Every structure is written in C-alpha cells, then in structure tokens.
Amino acid sequence: MQNTLSLINKYKALDLENAVNFSKFNQYLVSHHSTSIEGSTLTYIETTVLLEQGLTPKGKPLVHSLMQKDHYEALFFTLQNARNLPYTPDFIQKMNAKVLKNTAQMYNTALGNVDSTKGEYRKGTVYAGQTTFVNYAKIPSMVEQLCAKINQKLALDLTIIEKLLFSFEVHFELVNIHPFYDGNGRTSRLLMNALQVFWDLPLAIVFVEDKVAYIEAILASRKAESTEDFVGFMIDQYNKHLSKLTTDQE
C-alpha cells in the first residue's frame, strides 16, 4: 500500500487535475475502458474522435458509439454531483439511467414493466454465467443500506488509503447487489469514481485488457464472501493506471 500512496502523491504533485486537456483525456480513458469491458469495440482514438467531433467510426456497430457517448455523459453527471450529500438510491439510479440512455430497453415481467431509461430496478432473477444475484425483492433495502454506509464513511476522518479501499469495496458491493437488468458494472465503476472525486483522489480505471482477471476477482470475492480478492485486484489496477499517467507526464 505504500507504493499506492507514493503514486497518489506523485500524481498530485504533477497538478494534472488543473490541466484541462489532461482532465478531458483522463475522462475519455475512463469511458473508453469501462464501455469496452461491456463489449464496445471502439479503440481509444475512435472514442476520442467520437466524443470530440461526434464522428462515428466506420465499420463499427452504431450501438457501440451510443454506449460510449452515454457513458461519457453519465461520467460527467457523476463528476458534477459527486460532492452533493447525502448519497441516495436516486443518485445511483440516475447514473444507471444515463449509462443506458440510448441503448436501454423495456423489460416486460410478471410483476410489471421495467424501463431501463429511468434507472428502474430489476423485477426478476439475473444470472452472470453460473452466478445468481440477490432476489429482486431485496434490492431497494440493500441499496438503501449501501447508501447509508457510504454516508457514514463520508462523515469520517479517514486516511487516503482507507478512502481508496472503501471506494473499491463500494464498487464490489453494488456489483454484488446487481440492482439493474443492465449497466451494473458501468454504474458500479461510476459510483466508485464519485467517491474518489469526493475525496480528491485520482480516478480508478479497470483496464479492458484485464477484463478476465476483473471478473475472476469478483467471483472469488463472492465465493469467499469477502472483498479481499476484489480489492487486491483493484489496487493493482490503480497502481498500473497511476504509473502510466505519471510516467507519461515526466
């Protein structure tokens, strides 16, 4: 963890967050990797051209461009509201709605329709491979409990490392609840980023090339009923990201 703290201090010493171009570059990077994990085939350069000039890449599915644009707008919303207290289920639902703004669908269930464009919770069981997530009836109370936990932590005087580790734990906990039919990973990563902004920490990224390890870390933590494996993975991702950023600026 000392290496992580050293990288955070090195990053802050460069004063990169006050450089407009760098801030935009970093946000494009966050959106590119988060959306690519979910299936977008746009390269980073294609993502940049799309977000800067509105030009969709040739030969790529339109839905992938829509995913990128939606995520970037959701990230902007998240960063703008990250310091607004308290954190609420409505905030999380709005993140999810923005992530799926142009790619969402209506789900027709025995309990009624679920409109993903409004960030509505799922009303049925969902699976990821052989993994079954919590019963839909428990979702509202579990998200309320998560928000209460977040608000309690935000009121405490924590160390930098404690803040960082908690943001990773929240990321895992929302994924583990899986409150939505779609966009759970992207929304969980945005919630993690919101906490990092609140505490003036560099934003974390999960690299698309490490997608398999990411999923394995989630599954390992679910099986162990502990966040240890997942948090360990995220620390490595964070160190990788900050090492790249600080090295490129030297």
Protein backbone atom coordinates (compact mmCIF):
# COMPACT_ATOMS: atom_id res chain seq x y z
CA MET A 1 0.00 0.00 0.00
CA GLN A 2 2.98 2.29 0.48
CA ASN A 3 3.58 2.13 -3.26
CA THR A 4 -0.03 3.18 -3.91
CA LEU A 5 0.27 6.14 -1.55
CA SER A 6 3.54 7.14 -3.19
CA LEU A 7 1.91 7.04 -6.64
CA ILE A 8 -1.04 9.15 -5.45
CA ASN A 9 1.33 11.76 -4.03
CA LYS A 10 3.39 11.72 -7.22
CA TYR A 11 0.23 12.18 -9.29
CA LYS A 12 -0.96 15.09 -7.18
CA ALA A 13 2.45 16.73 -7.29
CA LEU A 14 2.13 16.97 -11.08
CA ASP A 15 -1.07 19.03 -10.62
CA LEU A 16 -2.61 17.21 -13.55
CA GLU A 17 -6.20 17.78 -12.47
CA ASN A 18 -5.77 21.51 -13.12
CA ALA A 19 -4.76 20.87 -16.72
CA VAL A 20 -7.96 21.00 -18.80
CA ASN A 21 -6.60 18.82 -21.60
CA PHE A 22 -5.36 16.19 -19.20
CA SER A 23 -8.63 16.09 -17.29
CA LYS A 24 -10.54 15.50 -20.53
CA PHE A 25 -8.02 12.87 -21.64
CA ASN A 26 -8.43 11.01 -18.35
CA GLN A 27 -12.22 11.11 -18.58
CA TYR A 28 -12.11 9.77 -22.14
CA LEU A 29 -9.86 6.99 -20.85
CA VAL A 30 -12.29 6.10 -18.08
CA SER A 31 -15.23 5.98 -20.51
CA HIS A 32 -13.31 4.03 -23.13
CA HIS A 33 -12.21 1.24 -20.80
CA SER A 34 -15.47 0.99 -18.84
CA THR A 35 -17.52 0.67 -22.03
CA SER A 36 -15.05 -1.63 -23.75
CA ILE A 37 -15.35 -4.05 -20.83
CA GLU A 38 -19.05 -4.27 -21.67
CA GLY A 39 -18.49 -5.03 -25.36
CA SER A 40 -17.76 -1.80 -27.21
CA THR A 41 -15.22 -2.35 -30.00
CA LEU A 42 -14.19 1.31 -30.39
CA THR A 43 -10.49 2.00 -29.96
CA TYR A 44 -9.35 4.81 -27.69
CA ILE A 45 -8.66 7.01 -30.73
CA GLU A 46 -12.11 6.25 -32.17
CA THR A 47 -13.63 7.08 -28.78
CA THR A 48 -11.76 10.40 -28.68
CA VAL A 49 -12.86 11.38 -32.19
CA LEU A 50 -16.45 10.41 -31.36
CA LEU A 51 -16.53 12.46 -28.17
CA GLU A 52 -14.60 15.41 -29.59
CA GLN A 53 -16.16 15.66 -33.05
CA GLY A 54 -19.25 13.46 -32.95
CA LEU A 55 -17.91 11.24 -35.76
CA THR A 56 -18.87 7.58 -35.53
CA PRO A 57 -16.19 5.12 -36.73
CA LYS A 58 -16.77 3.24 -39.97
CA GLY A 59 -17.34 -0.48 -39.76
CA LYS A 60 -18.32 -0.44 -36.08
CA PRO A 61 -21.84 -1.10 -34.75
CA LEU A 62 -23.70 2.14 -34.02
CA VAL A 63 -24.71 0.78 -30.61
CA HIS A 64 -21.05 0.80 -29.55
CA SER A 65 -20.79 4.52 -30.29
CA LEU A 66 -24.02 5.12 -28.38
CA MET A 67 -22.61 3.20 -25.42
CA GLN A 68 -19.51 5.39 -25.40
CA LYS A 69 -21.44 8.65 -25.66
CA ASP A 70 -23.89 7.60 -22.95
CA HIS A 71 -21.10 6.60 -20.59
CA TYR A 72 -19.25 9.86 -21.08
CA GLU A 73 -22.40 11.84 -20.30
CA ALA A 74 -23.02 9.62 -17.27
CA LEU A 75 -19.44 10.22 -16.10
CA PHE A 76 -19.89 13.99 -16.50
CA PHE A 77 -23.11 13.80 -14.44
CA THR A 78 -21.32 11.74 -11.79
CA LEU A 79 -18.36 14.09 -11.50
CA GLN A 80 -20.66 17.13 -11.30
CA ASN A 81 -22.70 15.61 -8.47
CA ALA A 82 -20.06 13.64 -6.59
CA ARG A 83 -19.80 16.17 -3.76
CA ASN A 84 -23.55 16.50 -3.23
CA LEU A 85 -24.62 14.89 0.03
CA PRO A 86 -26.19 12.65 1.01
CA TYR A 87 -25.65 9.84 -1.48
CA THR A 88 -29.03 8.32 -2.29
CA PRO A 89 -30.52 5.43 -4.28
CA ASP A 90 -31.90 8.09 -6.65
CA PHE A 91 -28.34 9.24 -7.44
CA ILE A 92 -27.33 5.67 -8.28
CA GLN A 93 -30.46 5.13 -10.39
CA LYS A 94 -29.82 8.34 -12.31
CA MET A 95 -26.27 7.15 -13.07
CA ASN A 96 -27.65 3.91 -14.45
CA ALA A 97 -30.31 5.71 -16.49
CA LYS A 98 -27.68 7.91 -18.12
CA VAL A 99 -25.39 4.94 -18.82
CA LEU A 100 -28.26 3.30 -20.75
CA LYS A 101 -29.87 6.44 -22.18
CA ASN A 102 -29.70 5.38 -25.85
CA THR A 103 -29.26 1.62 -25.55
CA ALA A 104 -31.78 0.66 -22.87
CA GLN A 105 -34.82 -1.48 -23.38
CA MET A 106 -38.17 -2.14 -21.73
CA TYR A 107 -38.37 -5.38 -19.77
CA ASN A 108 -41.79 -6.98 -19.51
CA THR A 109 -42.10 -9.10 -16.39
CA ALA A 110 -44.87 -10.82 -14.46
CA LEU A 111 -44.55 -8.02 -11.89
CA GLY A 112 -44.80 -5.22 -14.42
CA ASN A 113 -42.65 -3.35 -16.90
CA VAL A 114 -39.13 -2.15 -16.09
CA ASP A 115 -37.92 0.91 -18.02
CA SER A 116 -34.12 0.92 -18.08
CA THR A 117 -34.02 4.50 -19.36
CA LYS A 118 -35.30 5.54 -15.91
CA GLY A 119 -32.86 3.51 -13.86
CA GLU A 120 -35.61 1.25 -12.56
CA TYR A 121 -34.61 -1.78 -10.50
CA ARG A 122 -34.99 -5.23 -11.98
CA LYS A 123 -38.05 -7.32 -11.10
CA GLY A 124 -36.64 -10.74 -11.67
CA THR A 125 -33.64 -13.01 -11.24
CA VAL A 126 -30.49 -12.31 -13.22
CA TYR A 127 -27.50 -14.51 -13.91
CA ALA A 128 -23.90 -13.97 -14.98
CA GLY A 129 -22.54 -17.32 -16.08
CA GLN A 130 -23.32 -19.63 -13.17
CA THR A 131 -23.73 -16.72 -10.74
CA THR A 132 -27.17 -15.84 -9.41
CA PHE A 133 -27.61 -12.40 -7.87
CA VAL A 134 -29.78 -11.36 -4.93
CA ASN A 135 -33.54 -11.68 -5.01
CA TYR A 136 -35.09 -8.63 -6.66
CA ALA A 137 -37.31 -8.01 -3.62
CA LYS A 138 -34.22 -7.26 -1.51
CA ILE A 139 -32.79 -4.66 -3.88
CA PRO A 140 -34.42 -1.46 -2.55
CA SER A 141 -33.40 -2.13 1.05
CA MET A 142 -29.89 -3.27 0.09
CA VAL A 143 -29.24 -0.13 -1.98
CA GLU A 144 -30.60 1.99 0.89
CA GLN A 145 -28.22 0.23 3.27
CA LEU A 146 -25.30 0.76 0.92
CA CYS A 147 -26.07 4.47 0.69
CA ALA A 148 -26.33 4.72 4.48
CA LYS A 149 -22.95 3.03 4.76
CA ILE A 150 -21.44 5.44 2.24
CA ASN A 151 -22.82 8.50 4.03
CA GLN A 152 -21.46 7.28 7.36
CA LYS A 153 -17.99 6.86 5.85
CA LEU A 154 -18.09 10.26 4.15
CA ALA A 155 -18.55 11.86 7.56
CA LEU A 156 -15.41 10.25 9.00
CA ASP A 157 -11.82 11.45 9.02
CA LEU A 158 -10.20 8.64 7.03
CA THR A 159 -6.69 8.19 5.71
CA ILE A 160 -6.07 8.35 1.97
CA ILE A 161 -5.69 4.58 1.79
CA GLU A 162 -8.86 3.98 3.81
CA LYS A 163 -10.78 6.22 1.41
CA LEU A 164 -9.39 4.44 -1.62
CA LEU A 165 -10.09 0.95 -0.29
CA PHE A 166 -13.64 1.93 0.64
CA SER A 167 -14.30 3.18 -2.92
CA PHE A 168 -13.22 -0.26 -4.19
CA GLU A 169 -15.43 -2.02 -1.64
CA VAL A 170 -18.46 0.04 -2.71
CA HIS A 171 -17.72 -0.84 -6.34
CA PHE A 172 -17.87 -4.53 -5.42
CA GLU A 173 -20.94 -4.21 -3.22
CA LEU A 174 -23.06 -2.58 -5.91
CA VAL A 175 -21.96 -5.16 -8.48
CA ASN A 176 -22.81 -7.85 -5.95
CA ILE A 177 -26.33 -6.45 -5.46
CA HIS A 178 -26.74 -6.17 -9.24
CA PRO A 179 -29.84 -3.96 -8.92
CA PHE A 180 -30.42 -3.41 -12.64
CA TYR A 181 -31.04 -5.58 -15.67
CA ASP A 182 -28.16 -3.89 -17.49
CA GLY A 183 -25.33 -1.44 -16.81
CA ASN A 184 -24.44 -2.76 -13.35
CA GLY A 185 -20.70 -2.81 -13.98
CA ARG A 186 -20.59 0.66 -15.52
CA THR A 187 -22.77 2.10 -12.75
CA SER A 188 -20.67 0.47 -10.03
CA ARG A 189 -17.48 1.87 -11.51
CA LEU A 190 -19.08 5.32 -11.71
CA LEU A 191 -20.11 5.14 -8.06
CA MET A 192 -16.52 4.24 -7.20
CA ASN A 193 -15.31 7.24 -9.22
CA ALA A 194 -17.82 9.51 -7.44
CA LEU A 195 -16.31 8.64 -4.08
CA GLN A 196 -12.82 9.24 -5.44
CA VAL A 197 -13.86 12.69 -6.65
CA PHE A 198 -15.47 13.46 -3.28
CA TRP A 199 -12.17 12.66 -1.58
CA ASP A 200 -9.97 14.33 -4.24
CA LEU A 201 -8.39 11.06 -5.28
CA PRO A 202 -7.31 10.18 -8.84
CA LEU A 203 -9.99 8.26 -10.73
CA ALA A 204 -9.62 4.50 -10.94
CA ILE A 205 -9.88 2.52 -14.17
CA VAL A 206 -10.44 -1.15 -14.84
CA PHE A 207 -8.42 -1.87 -17.98
CA VAL A 208 -10.23 -3.73 -20.73
CA GLU A 209 -7.22 -5.99 -21.27
CA ASP A 210 -7.67 -7.16 -17.68
CA LYS A 211 -11.37 -7.98 -18.06
CA VAL A 212 -10.95 -11.70 -17.33
CA ALA A 213 -8.98 -11.02 -14.15
CA TYR A 214 -11.62 -8.46 -13.15
CA ILE A 215 -14.43 -11.00 -13.46
CA GLU A 216 -12.37 -13.64 -11.67
CA ALA A 217 -11.73 -11.23 -8.78
CA ILE A 218 -15.47 -10.51 -8.48
CA LEU A 219 -16.30 -14.23 -8.49
CA ALA A 220 -13.56 -15.01 -5.96
CA SER A 221 -14.83 -12.35 -3.57
CA ARG A 222 -18.41 -13.54 -3.97
CA LYS A 223 -17.37 -17.11 -3.21
CA ALA A 224 -15.29 -16.10 -0.19
CA GLU A 225 -17.93 -13.58 0.97
CA SER A 226 -15.09 -11.13 1.39
CA THR A 227 -13.92 -8.14 -0.67
CA GLU A 228 -10.25 -9.10 -0.24
CA ASP A 229 -9.66 -10.60 -3.70
CA PHE A 230 -11.51 -7.82 -5.47
CA VAL A 231 -9.82 -5.02 -3.54
CA GLY A 232 -6.42 -6.60 -4.20
CA PHE A 233 -7.18 -6.63 -7.91
CA MET A 234 -8.30 -3.00 -7.85
CA ILE A 235 -5.15 -1.90 -6.03
CA ASP A 236 -3.09 -3.45 -8.82
CA GLN A 237 -5.25 -1.70 -11.44
CA TYR A 238 -4.91 1.61 -9.62
CA ASN A 239 -1.14 1.31 -9.40
CA LYS A 240 -0.99 0.38 -13.08
CA HIS A 241 -3.09 3.41 -14.05
CA LEU A 242 -1.19 5.92 -11.92
CA SER A 243 2.17 4.52 -13.04
CA LYS A 244 1.16 5.04 -16.68
CA LEU A 245 -0.13 8.56 -16.06
CA THR A 246 2.83 9.80 -14.06
CA THR A 247 5.38 8.20 -16.37
CA ASP A 248 3.77 9.73 -19.46
CA GLN A 249 3.94 13.21 -17.90
CA GLU A 250 7.61 13.06 -16.96
